[in-house]
Amino acid sequence: GESQLAAFAKNTLHLFVAMEDWFDRLVNFKSGDPYVIARSSLQYAVLFAAVHVVLDVSYRILFPKTYRFVASKIWAQNLAEKSCSTIHAIIGAAAALYLLCFEYDWQSLTVAFPRGTYALFTFAIGYEVYDLFFMGLWMGDPLSMWLHHIFAILGYFLSMYYEHFAFFATLFLISEFTVLPSNIHWLVKLLDMTHTRVFAVNYTLRMLSFVVFRLPLLPATLHAVINDEQFIVDFLKAPRALATVLGINITLFSCLNVVWVYKCVMLWMRWRRGGSRRTAAEKAKAL
C-alpha cells in the first residue's frame, strides 16, 4: 500500500532527476573537436535510422492496407522517412526559434554561440546524413535537395569547429516549419484524399507557411548583418573555408527559398483560380 506508493514516487523522482541531468548535459555540450562533432552527429544519424526501422515495421503491422496501397505507388519506406523528416523539422525548427528569441545577442552575431547550439547542430547533421542515405537509395530527389543537404552539413560542421557564425545556420533552420504541412500534403495526395477539406485547408496552410517561414529569411539576414558593425570585419578575417561556405549557404538557401516560395504560391493560386471550373480532386491532379 503506502510503502509501494512511496517507492513509486521515489523512483519517479529519480527518473525525472536523471532526465534533467541528461538534458543539462545535452544542452551544455560543447566541443570544437571534429572527431567529437562527427561522433555525436553519427549517433543522431543512427538514432534516426533506428526510428525509421521501428516506424516502418509499425506501419506494416498497424496499417497493412494503407502500407500496401502506398507500396503500390512508391517506395513504401518513404512513409517512415517522411515521419522522421517531420520529427526533425518540429524539434529543429522549434529549438532554433527558441535560441533566436531568447538566447542570441543580435548585436554580436559573429561569436554568439548560446548553449544548446552544439546539440541542435549535431542533431541536424545526423538527420541530414540519415536522409542523404535514403535519398541515395531512392534516387528520386532533385539536385537542389542534394546541394541543400550537403552544404547544410558543411555549414553546421564548420560553425561548430570554428565557433563562429552559428547565427545564420540557426536562422535558416526555422524554415523547417514548412516541412509539416508539406508532408501532410504529400500523404493526402498519395492516399487520394484530394477531394477532402483536409487537403484544401492544409494546402492553404502550406502556402502560408512558406511565405512566413522562408521568404523573410534573406531580409532578416541582411538586417542582422547591417546592424552588426563588426560582422564584415570578422567575415573578412574568418578562415577561408568557413567564410566561403557561409557565403555559399546564405546565397544558395536564400535563392532556394525564393524559388520554392514562388512555386508554392503559384501552384496555390492556380488551384484557387480553377475552383469555379473544377472539383478539388480534379484540381489536385494538376499539382
Protein backbone atom coordinates (compact mmCIF):
# COMPACT_ATOMS: atom_id res chain seq x y z
CA GLY A 1 0.00 0.00 0.00
CA GLU A 2 1.64 3.13 1.30
CA SER A 3 5.20 1.78 1.05
CA GLN A 4 4.66 0.79 -2.60
CA LEU A 5 3.27 4.23 -3.36
CA ALA A 6 6.25 5.86 -1.66
CA ALA A 7 8.65 3.66 -3.62
CA PHE A 8 6.88 4.52 -6.87
CA ALA A 9 7.06 8.25 -6.06
CA LYS A 10 10.75 7.94 -5.18
CA ASN A 11 11.58 6.06 -8.39
CA THR A 12 9.60 8.58 -10.45
CA LEU A 13 11.51 11.43 -8.82
CA HIS A 14 14.83 9.70 -9.57
CA LEU A 15 13.75 9.27 -13.19
CA PHE A 16 12.95 12.97 -13.56
CA VAL A 17 16.26 13.93 -11.90
CA ALA A 18 18.14 11.62 -14.29
CA MET A 19 16.28 13.06 -17.28
CA GLU A 20 17.03 16.60 -16.13
CA ASP A 21 20.71 15.74 -15.67
CA TRP A 22 20.82 14.17 -19.15
CA PHE A 23 19.10 17.20 -20.67
CA ASP A 24 21.54 19.60 -18.98
CA ARG A 25 24.50 17.65 -20.36
CA LEU A 26 22.90 17.62 -23.79
CA VAL A 27 22.15 21.34 -23.86
CA ASN A 28 25.54 22.32 -22.43
CA PHE A 29 27.52 20.03 -24.76
CA LYS A 30 30.26 22.00 -26.47
CA SER A 31 33.29 20.86 -28.42
CA GLY A 32 35.34 22.15 -31.34
CA ASP A 33 36.96 18.73 -31.75
CA PRO A 34 35.99 17.47 -35.24
CA TYR A 35 36.01 13.85 -34.06
CA VAL A 36 33.63 14.61 -31.20
CA ILE A 37 31.37 16.56 -33.56
CA ALA A 38 31.39 13.73 -36.12
CA ARG A 39 30.76 11.06 -33.45
CA SER A 40 27.85 12.98 -31.91
CA SER A 41 26.33 13.64 -35.34
CA LEU A 42 26.63 10.00 -36.38
CA GLN A 43 24.90 8.96 -33.15
CA TYR A 44 21.91 11.05 -34.19
CA ALA A 45 22.06 9.56 -37.70
CA VAL A 46 21.93 6.06 -36.21
CA LEU A 47 19.08 7.15 -33.94
CA PHE A 48 17.07 8.41 -36.93
CA ALA A 49 17.78 5.16 -38.78
CA ALA A 50 16.56 3.15 -35.78
CA VAL A 51 13.39 5.26 -35.52
CA HIS A 52 12.88 4.74 -39.25
CA VAL A 53 13.04 0.95 -38.90
CA VAL A 54 10.67 0.96 -35.91
CA LEU A 55 8.17 3.18 -37.72
CA ASP A 56 8.34 1.14 -40.92
CA VAL A 57 7.64 -2.10 -39.04
CA SER A 58 4.87 -0.41 -37.04
CA TYR A 59 3.18 0.87 -40.20
CA ARG A 60 3.31 -2.61 -41.72
CA ILE A 61 1.62 -4.12 -38.66
CA LEU A 62 -0.84 -1.39 -37.69
CA PHE A 63 -1.88 -0.17 -41.14
CA PRO A 64 -1.33 -3.11 -43.53
CA LYS A 65 -3.85 -1.96 -46.15
CA THR A 66 -2.52 1.59 -46.23
CA TYR A 67 1.05 0.30 -46.33
CA ARG A 68 0.31 -1.97 -49.29
CA PHE A 69 -1.54 0.85 -51.04
CA VAL A 70 1.45 3.17 -50.61
CA ALA A 71 3.83 0.42 -51.74
CA SER A 72 1.82 0.05 -54.94
CA LYS A 73 2.57 3.68 -55.82
CA ILE A 74 6.01 4.48 -54.41
CA TRP A 75 8.75 3.02 -52.25
CA ALA A 76 6.77 2.24 -49.09
CA GLN A 77 9.61 3.16 -46.73
CA ASN A 78 9.01 6.77 -47.71
CA LEU A 79 6.27 6.71 -45.06
CA ALA A 80 8.86 6.20 -42.32
CA GLU A 81 11.24 8.67 -43.98
CA LYS A 82 8.56 11.37 -44.04
CA SER A 83 7.82 10.69 -40.37
CA CYS A 84 11.49 11.15 -39.45
CA SER A 85 11.52 14.29 -41.58
CA THR A 86 8.59 15.64 -39.56
CA ILE A 87 10.26 14.80 -36.23
CA HIS A 88 13.44 16.59 -37.28
CA ALA A 89 11.52 19.59 -38.59
CA ILE A 90 9.44 20.12 -35.45
CA ILE A 91 12.32 19.68 -32.99
CA GLY A 92 14.92 21.52 -35.08
CA ALA A 93 12.76 24.50 -36.03
CA ALA A 94 11.31 24.91 -32.52
CA ALA A 95 14.77 24.76 -30.93
CA ALA A 96 16.15 27.25 -33.47
CA LEU A 97 13.26 29.65 -32.87
CA TYR A 98 13.81 29.43 -29.11
CA LEU A 99 17.54 30.21 -29.46
CA LEU A 100 16.84 33.16 -31.76
CA CYS A 101 14.20 34.63 -29.45
CA PHE A 102 15.77 34.06 -26.04
CA GLU A 103 19.48 33.22 -26.31
CA TYR A 104 21.06 35.18 -29.16
CA ASP A 105 22.62 38.63 -28.90
CA TRP A 106 21.60 40.15 -32.23
CA GLN A 107 24.26 42.84 -31.86
CA SER A 108 27.12 40.33 -31.84
CA LEU A 109 26.38 37.67 -34.40
CA THR A 110 29.92 36.54 -35.20
CA VAL A 111 30.92 34.93 -31.93
CA ALA A 112 27.48 34.36 -30.42
CA PHE A 113 27.21 30.67 -29.61
CA PRO A 114 24.48 30.15 -26.99
CA ARG A 115 24.15 26.91 -25.08
CA GLY A 116 22.19 24.31 -26.97
CA THR A 117 23.68 25.26 -30.33
CA TYR A 118 26.00 22.24 -30.49
CA ALA A 119 23.19 19.87 -29.61
CA LEU A 120 20.97 21.44 -32.27
CA PHE A 121 23.63 21.36 -34.99
CA THR A 122 24.76 17.78 -34.34
CA PHE A 123 21.09 16.75 -34.30
CA ALA A 124 20.60 18.49 -37.66
CA ILE A 125 23.74 16.93 -39.18
CA GLY A 126 22.61 13.50 -38.01
CA TYR A 127 19.29 13.91 -39.78
CA GLU A 128 20.91 15.21 -42.97
CA VAL A 129 23.27 12.20 -43.07
CA TYR A 130 20.38 9.80 -42.48
CA ASP A 131 18.30 11.49 -45.18
CA LEU A 132 21.18 11.52 -47.68
CA PHE A 133 21.47 7.75 -47.24
CA PHE A 134 17.81 7.18 -48.11
CA MET A 135 17.94 9.74 -50.91
CA GLY A 136 20.78 7.69 -52.36
CA LEU A 137 18.71 4.51 -52.16
CA TRP A 138 15.62 6.09 -53.66
CA MET A 139 17.37 8.41 -56.18
CA GLY A 140 14.18 10.39 -56.74
CA ASP A 141 15.21 13.79 -55.37
CA PRO A 142 16.30 16.80 -57.45
CA LEU A 143 19.83 18.21 -57.43
CA SER A 144 18.66 21.15 -55.30
CA MET A 145 17.91 18.79 -52.39
CA TRP A 146 21.36 17.19 -52.60
CA LEU A 147 23.01 20.62 -52.58
CA HIS A 148 20.76 21.70 -49.70
CA HIS A 149 21.76 18.73 -47.53
CA ILE A 150 25.49 18.73 -48.34
CA PHE A 151 26.03 22.45 -47.79
CA ALA A 152 23.87 22.39 -44.67
CA ILE A 153 26.16 19.73 -43.19
CA LEU A 154 29.25 21.76 -44.10
CA GLY A 155 27.73 24.90 -42.59
CA TYR A 156 26.82 23.24 -39.29
CA PHE A 157 30.17 21.47 -39.00
CA LEU A 158 32.36 24.49 -39.75
CA SER A 159 30.32 26.73 -37.43
CA MET A 160 30.95 24.30 -34.57
CA TYR A 161 34.60 23.71 -35.48
CA TYR A 162 35.48 27.42 -35.59
CA GLU A 163 32.77 28.52 -33.12
CA HIS A 164 31.72 31.38 -35.39
CA PHE A 165 28.66 32.42 -37.42
CA ALA A 166 26.25 29.92 -35.85
CA PHE A 167 23.50 32.54 -36.00
CA PHE A 168 22.90 32.17 -39.73
CA ALA A 169 22.54 28.38 -39.69
CA THR A 170 20.18 28.73 -36.73
CA LEU A 171 18.13 31.38 -38.53
CA PHE A 172 17.64 29.27 -41.65
CA LEU A 173 16.65 26.26 -39.57
CA ILE A 174 13.28 27.83 -38.75
CA SER A 175 12.31 27.25 -42.40
CA GLU A 176 11.86 23.61 -41.38
CA PHE A 177 8.44 24.60 -40.02
CA THR A 178 7.23 24.28 -43.63
CA VAL A 179 8.02 20.55 -43.65
CA LEU A 180 4.99 19.53 -41.57
CA PRO A 181 2.28 20.86 -43.94
CA SER A 182 4.37 19.71 -46.91
CA ASN A 183 4.50 16.16 -45.60
CA ILE A 184 0.76 16.21 -44.86
CA HIS A 185 0.19 17.45 -48.42
CA TRP A 186 2.32 14.57 -49.76
CA LEU A 187 0.41 11.97 -47.72
CA VAL A 188 -3.06 13.33 -48.52
CA LYS A 189 -2.32 13.29 -52.24
CA LEU A 190 -0.81 9.81 -52.02
CA LEU A 191 -3.95 8.48 -50.32
CA ASP A 192 -6.22 10.03 -52.97
CA MET A 193 -7.83 12.37 -50.42
CA THR A 194 -7.54 15.46 -52.61
CA HIS A 195 -11.30 15.96 -52.62
CA THR A 196 -11.44 16.45 -48.85
CA ARG A 197 -11.47 19.59 -46.71
CA VAL A 198 -8.24 18.38 -45.11
CA PHE A 199 -6.48 18.78 -48.44
CA ALA A 200 -7.89 22.27 -49.05
CA VAL A 201 -7.10 23.60 -45.56
CA ASN A 202 -3.63 22.08 -45.43
CA TYR A 203 -2.80 23.31 -48.94
CA THR A 204 -3.51 26.87 -47.85
CA LEU A 205 -1.55 26.41 -44.61
CA ARG A 206 1.34 25.01 -46.63
CA MET A 207 1.43 28.08 -48.86
CA LEU A 208 1.24 30.43 -45.86
CA SER A 209 4.00 28.55 -44.02
CA PHE A 210 6.33 29.02 -46.99
CA VAL A 211 5.60 32.74 -47.10
CA VAL A 212 6.02 33.19 -43.33
CA PHE A 213 8.97 30.91 -42.58
CA ARG A 214 11.03 31.05 -45.79
CA LEU A 215 10.54 34.35 -47.58
CA PRO A 216 11.63 36.67 -44.70
CA LEU A 217 14.92 34.84 -44.03
CA LEU A 218 17.04 36.79 -46.52
CA PRO A 219 15.75 40.22 -45.34
CA ALA A 220 16.32 39.06 -41.74
CA THR A 221 19.88 38.04 -42.62
CA LEU A 222 20.62 41.38 -44.29
CA HIS A 223 19.07 43.27 -41.36
CA ALA A 224 21.22 41.35 -38.88
CA VAL A 225 24.41 41.91 -40.89
CA ILE A 226 23.78 45.63 -41.31
CA ASN A 227 23.14 46.10 -37.59
CA ASP A 228 26.30 44.22 -36.57
CA GLU A 229 29.15 46.61 -37.35
CA GLN A 230 31.78 44.01 -36.52
CA PHE A 231 30.40 41.35 -38.88
CA ILE A 232 32.16 42.46 -42.09
CA VAL A 233 35.49 42.75 -40.29
CA ASP A 234 35.12 39.30 -38.73
CA PHE A 235 33.91 37.80 -42.00
CA LEU A 236 36.98 39.05 -43.88
CA LYS A 237 39.26 37.69 -41.14
CA ALA A 238 37.49 34.33 -40.88
CA PRO A 239 39.14 31.11 -42.13
CA ARG A 240 38.64 30.80 -45.87
CA ALA A 241 36.64 27.55 -45.67
CA LEU A 242 34.22 28.99 -43.12
CA ALA A 243 33.74 32.29 -44.97
CA THR A 244 33.28 30.53 -48.32
CA VAL A 245 30.71 28.04 -47.06
CA LEU A 246 28.85 30.77 -45.15
CA GLY A 247 28.65 32.94 -48.28
CA ILE A 248 27.54 29.99 -50.42
CA ASN A 249 24.93 28.89 -47.88
CA ILE A 250 23.35 32.32 -47.45
CA THR A 251 23.19 32.72 -51.23
CA LEU A 252 22.11 29.14 -52.00
CA PHE A 253 19.45 28.82 -49.31
CA SER A 254 18.08 32.31 -49.99
CA CYS A 255 17.72 31.52 -53.71
CA LEU A 256 16.16 28.12 -53.00
CA ASN A 257 13.71 29.70 -50.57
CA VAL A 258 12.63 32.31 -53.10
CA VAL A 259 12.19 29.67 -55.82
CA TRP A 260 10.29 27.30 -53.52
CA VAL A 261 8.02 30.06 -52.21
CA TYR A 262 7.30 31.25 -55.77
CA LYS A 263 6.42 27.73 -56.95
CA CYS A 264 4.27 27.06 -53.89
CA VAL A 265 2.32 30.32 -54.21
CA MET A 266 1.85 29.92 -57.97
CA LEU A 267 0.53 26.36 -57.56
CA TRP A 268 -1.84 27.50 -54.84
CA MET A 269 -3.11 30.41 -56.95
CA ARG A 270 -3.62 28.11 -59.94
CA TRP A 271 -5.57 25.73 -57.70
CA ARG A 272 -7.72 28.59 -56.37
CA ARG A 273 -8.42 30.03 -59.81
CA GLY A 274 -9.68 26.67 -61.02
CA GLY A 275 -12.21 26.44 -58.18
CA SER A 276 -15.20 27.57 -60.21
CA ARG A 277 -14.44 25.19 -63.08
CA ARG A 278 -13.16 22.01 -61.49
CA THR A 279 -13.64 19.95 -58.37
CA ALA A 280 -10.92 19.83 -55.74
CA ALA A 281 -9.97 16.33 -56.80
CA GLU A 282 -9.56 17.37 -60.43
CA LYS A 283 -7.53 20.40 -59.46
CA ALA A 284 -5.20 18.37 -57.26
CA LYS A 285 -4.21 16.11 -60.15
CA ALA A 286 -2.54 19.07 -61.81
CA LEU A 287 -0.42 19.92 -58.76
